[in-house]
Protein backbone atom coordinates (compact mmCIF):
# COMPACT_ATOMS: atom_id res chain seq x y z
CA UNK A 1 124.13 94.48 87.30
CA UNK A 2 126.67 94.56 84.16
CA UNK A 3 129.99 96.24 84.50
CA UNK A 4 129.20 98.83 81.78
CA UNK A 5 127.33 101.43 83.70
CA UNK A 6 129.08 104.54 84.54
CA UNK A 7 126.71 106.10 87.26
CA UNK A 8 123.73 105.65 89.50
CA UNK A 9 121.09 107.93 90.25
CA UNK A 10 118.82 107.39 93.54
CA UNK A 11 115.80 109.06 94.75
CA UNK A 12 116.41 110.77 98.05
CA UNK A 13 113.49 110.19 100.10
CA UNK A 14 112.68 106.65 101.21
CA UNK A 15 115.61 105.19 98.88
CA UNK A 16 118.42 106.94 100.89
CA UNK A 17 117.01 108.92 103.71
CA UNK A 18 114.14 107.82 106.08
CA UNK A 19 112.13 111.24 106.14
CA UNK A 20 108.48 110.15 105.85
CA UNK A 21 107.88 110.10 109.49
CA UNK A 22 109.23 113.53 110.07
CA UNK A 23 107.39 115.04 107.14
CA UNK A 24 104.25 113.57 108.61
CA UNK A 25 105.02 115.28 112.03
CA UNK A 26 105.91 118.60 110.20
CA UNK A 27 102.60 118.71 108.11
CA UNK A 28 100.58 117.98 111.49
CA UNK A 29 102.16 120.91 112.92
CA UNK A 30 101.53 123.07 109.71
CA UNK A 31 97.99 121.96 109.57
CA UNK A 32 97.23 122.63 113.35
CA UNK A 33 98.54 126.10 113.14
CA UNK A 34 96.40 126.71 110.12
CA UNK A 35 93.16 125.28 111.96
CA UNK A 36 93.89 127.75 114.75
CA UNK A 37 93.04 130.55 112.48
CA UNK A 38 89.38 129.80 112.47
CA UNK A 39 88.32 126.36 111.19
CA UNK A 40 86.78 124.80 114.20
CA UNK A 41 86.45 121.27 113.59
CA UNK A 42 87.25 118.83 116.31
CA UNK A 43 87.77 115.72 114.00
CA UNK A 44 89.66 117.52 111.37
CA UNK A 45 92.94 117.17 112.85
CA UNK A 46 92.44 113.38 113.71
CA UNK A 47 91.20 112.73 110.36
CA UNK A 48 94.20 114.65 108.82
CA UNK A 49 96.60 112.42 110.86
CA UNK A 50 95.29 109.27 109.13
CA UNK A 51 95.17 110.87 105.56
CA UNK A 52 98.69 112.08 105.33
CA UNK A 53 100.45 109.17 106.29
CA UNK A 54 99.59 107.74 102.94
CA UNK A 55 101.65 110.47 101.10
CA UNK A 56 103.07 113.41 103.25
CA UNK A 57 102.99 116.00 100.30
CA UNK A 58 101.34 119.45 99.23
CA UNK A 59 98.98 117.65 96.87
CA UNK A 60 97.70 115.29 99.39
CA UNK A 61 97.05 118.00 101.71
CA UNK A 62 95.12 120.10 99.22
CA UNK A 63 93.09 117.16 98.43
CA UNK A 64 92.48 116.49 102.07
CA UNK A 65 91.25 120.10 102.42
CA UNK A 66 89.09 120.01 99.45
CA UNK A 67 87.32 116.80 101.06
CA UNK A 68 86.63 118.85 104.08
CA UNK A 69 85.00 121.74 102.19
CA UNK A 70 88.04 123.92 102.58
CA UNK A 71 89.34 125.40 99.41
CA UNK A 72 92.54 127.39 99.40
CA UNK A 73 94.10 129.20 96.59
CA UNK A 74 97.64 127.95 95.57
CA UNK A 75 99.22 131.08 96.12
CA UNK A 76 102.86 131.49 95.26
CA UNK A 77 106.10 129.75 96.15
CA UNK A 78 107.21 132.82 98.05
CA UNK A 79 104.10 132.97 100.31
CA UNK A 80 104.85 133.42 103.98
CA UNK A 81 104.40 130.30 106.07
CA UNK A 82 101.63 131.91 107.92
CA UNK A 83 99.57 132.65 104.78
CA UNK A 84 96.28 130.73 104.12
CA UNK A 85 97.38 129.17 100.83
CA UNK A 86 98.47 125.94 99.58
CA UNK A 87 102.05 127.28 99.13
CA UNK A 88 101.91 129.01 102.57
CA UNK A 89 101.12 125.58 104.38
CA UNK A 90 103.77 123.96 102.14
CA UNK A 91 106.43 126.73 103.37
CA UNK A 92 105.10 126.20 106.95
CA UNK A 93 105.80 122.56 106.80
CA UNK A 94 109.06 123.05 105.23
CA UNK A 95 110.04 125.27 108.15
CA UNK A 96 109.12 122.89 110.75
CA UNK A 97 110.78 119.94 108.92
CA UNK A 98 114.04 121.91 108.74
CA UNK A 99 113.93 122.67 112.34
CA UNK A 100 113.42 119.03 113.04
CA UNK A 101 116.46 117.58 110.97
CA UNK A 102 118.46 120.37 112.69
CA UNK A 103 117.58 118.96 115.90
CA UNK A 104 117.07 115.26 115.34
CA UNK A 105 119.35 114.86 112.34
CA UNK A 106 118.39 112.38 109.36
CA UNK A 107 118.30 108.49 109.51
CA UNK A 108 119.34 106.69 106.39
CA UNK A 109 118.92 103.20 105.12
CA UNK A 110 121.88 101.47 105.74
CA UNK A 111 121.51 98.90 102.91
CA UNK A 112 121.50 102.07 100.57
CA UNK A 113 124.80 103.42 101.99
CA UNK A 114 126.63 100.20 102.14
CA UNK A 115 125.71 99.62 98.32
CA UNK A 116 126.51 103.04 97.16
CA UNK A 117 129.76 102.93 99.02
CA UNK A 118 130.47 99.80 97.16
CA UNK A 119 129.62 101.39 93.84
CA UNK A 120 131.85 104.56 94.61
CA UNK A 121 134.61 102.13 95.34
CA UNK A 122 134.28 100.57 92.05
CA UNK A 123 134.72 103.92 90.50
CA UNK A 124 130.91 104.64 89.56
CA UNK A 125 129.70 108.18 90.00
CA UNK A 126 126.51 108.61 92.15
CA UNK A 127 123.69 111.19 92.27
CA UNK A 128 120.70 111.91 94.32
CA UNK A 129 117.52 113.66 93.10
CA UNK A 130 114.88 114.80 95.43
CA UNK A 131 111.36 116.18 94.88
CA UNK A 132 111.65 118.07 97.98
CA UNK A 133 113.48 121.33 98.59
CA UNK A 134 115.96 120.22 101.20
CA UNK A 135 118.35 117.67 99.58
CA UNK A 136 121.49 119.37 100.64
CA UNK A 137 120.18 119.93 103.90
CA UNK A 138 119.24 116.20 104.23
CA UNK A 139 122.23 114.41 103.23
CA UNK A 140 124.54 117.20 105.13
CA UNK A 141 122.55 116.37 108.37
CA UNK A 142 122.67 112.58 107.53
CA UNK A 143 126.78 113.24 106.96
CA UNK A 144 126.60 111.78 103.64
CA UNK A 145 127.38 114.35 101.26
CA UNK A 146 130.78 112.99 100.28
CA UNK A 147 129.19 109.91 98.76
CA UNK A 148 127.28 111.81 95.91
CA UNK A 149 128.90 113.77 93.07
CA UNK A 150 125.71 115.73 92.39
CA UNK A 151 122.44 116.65 94.10
CA UNK A 152 119.33 117.76 92.66
CA UNK A 153 116.17 118.92 94.25
CA UNK A 154 112.86 120.57 93.66
CA UNK A 155 114.19 124.14 94.17
CA UNK A 156 116.84 123.80 91.19
CA UNK A 157 114.36 121.88 89.19
CA UNK A 158 111.98 124.82 89.45
CA UNK A 159 114.71 127.47 88.79
CA UNK A 160 115.89 125.46 85.55
CA UNK A 161 112.27 125.41 84.42
CA UNK A 162 112.53 121.66 84.10
CA UNK A 163 109.16 119.50 84.36
CA UNK A 164 108.89 117.45 87.56
CA UNK A 165 108.25 113.71 87.40
CA UNK A 166 106.91 111.95 85.73
CA UNK A 167 108.29 113.86 83.13
CA UNK A 168 112.07 112.62 82.34
CA UNK A 169 113.65 116.29 82.06
CA UNK A 170 115.24 116.12 85.40
CA UNK A 171 116.72 112.83 84.89
CA UNK A 172 118.43 113.95 81.55
CA UNK A 173 119.72 116.90 83.58
CA UNK A 174 121.40 114.73 86.06
CA UNK A 175 123.02 112.35 83.41
CA UNK A 176 124.36 115.26 81.70
CA UNK A 177 126.12 116.60 84.81
CA UNK A 178 127.37 113.04 85.39
CA UNK A 179 128.82 112.92 82.10
CA UNK A 180 126.86 109.96 81.04
CA UNK A 181 123.93 108.94 78.83
CA UNK A 182 120.73 107.54 80.45
CA UNK A 183 121.73 104.05 78.79
CA UNK A 184 125.07 104.18 80.88
CA UNK A 185 123.08 104.92 84.06
CA UNK A 186 121.07 102.80 86.75
CA UNK A 187 118.10 104.53 88.13
CA UNK A 188 116.92 103.59 91.70
CA UNK A 189 113.29 104.96 92.55
CA UNK A 190 110.53 104.23 94.98
CA UNK A 191 107.77 106.20 93.25
CA UNK A 192 105.52 105.37 90.30
CA UNK A 193 106.36 108.77 88.82
CA UNK A 194 109.85 108.26 89.06
CA UNK A 195 109.68 104.92 87.52
CA UNK A 196 107.60 106.03 84.74
CA UNK A 197 110.10 108.92 84.20
CA UNK A 198 113.00 106.61 84.27
CA UNK A 199 111.62 104.45 81.45
CA UNK A 200 110.71 107.42 79.28
CA UNK A 201 114.21 108.49 79.81
CA UNK A 202 115.65 105.32 78.54
CA UNK A 203 117.85 104.35 81.47
CA UNK A 204 120.00 101.29 81.15
CA UNK A 205 118.56 99.80 84.35
CA UNK A 206 115.26 100.92 86.19
CA UNK A 207 115.26 99.56 89.89
CA UNK A 208 112.14 99.78 91.85
CA UNK A 209 112.54 99.86 95.76
CA UNK A 210 109.43 98.55 97.49
CA UNK A 211 110.54 98.50 101.12
CA UNK A 212 106.99 98.44 102.38
CA UNK A 213 104.73 97.83 99.07
CA UNK A 214 104.25 95.58 96.21
CA UNK A 215 107.07 94.49 94.21
CA UNK A 216 104.65 93.42 91.38
CA UNK A 217 103.16 96.88 91.38
CA UNK A 218 106.43 98.63 90.43
CA UNK A 219 107.35 95.77 87.92
CA UNK A 220 103.91 96.48 86.31
CA UNK A 221 104.83 100.14 86.18
CA UNK A 222 107.84 99.55 83.93
CA UNK A 223 110.71 98.85 86.56
CA UNK A 224 113.24 96.23 85.15
CA UNK A 225 113.96 95.01 88.58
CA UNK A 226 111.84 95.44 91.89
CA UNK A 227 113.59 94.86 95.40
CA UNK A 228 112.60 95.28 99.08
CA UNK A 229 116.50 95.87 100.16
CA UNK A 230 119.16 97.04 98.42
CA UNK A 231 121.39 94.04 99.35
CA UNK A 232 119.40 92.23 96.71
CA UNK A 233 121.29 94.30 93.96
CA UNK A 234 124.45 93.12 95.60
CA UNK A 235 123.68 89.52 95.36
CA UNK A 236 122.54 90.01 91.54
CA UNK A 237 126.05 91.63 90.98
CA UNK A 238 127.90 88.68 92.48
CA UNK A 239 125.68 86.14 90.55
CA UNK A 240 126.73 88.02 87.17
CA UNK A 241 130.39 87.97 87.69
């Protein structure tokens, strides 16, 4: 990485914070409570446990229920956690997830924290962006709020009327808040949608993080660099000096 960058923007989940395992458990609680409302299928919860591990999110749950011939209305974002809607299930999962991080805390990736700390010591700004609604709670529970100059999550993205990834809207917004152009920023993402959005936004460097997946896949999507550990960026920096 060259010295001309002003800021680093990182995806929160699975780049900074290790949240997948907690989200999976929270979704299992949410779906189990939902099934108790009248869906009697002994194998349904077991099937769900295998399915949700792939991508613990609202759209995955909606897709799973359709496969099981259970069609729920989307409902509204303000639905009760007890409502039989997709938003209701998502709000239930969110409620359980927040209880979990309150009791258990949040694990972070030590390689990311070390690298962000190095960047901050060099005078670069850093921001995190999350497709979830709990970014401030997550980084607060992890004790790393002081590392970041700006935080943006799904709640504010919705309030601002920004299109979610793979649209680049939220990235443009974060760059503006950091006082930098996309060309002056490095984006670090683990999701195909995030990498696509970063490429469209025109970031100076798009880094794909493939901790458990294929580096080649992220490069094929458009990442300039693909890594499995953030220490690889430090080595690249040292080699370029």
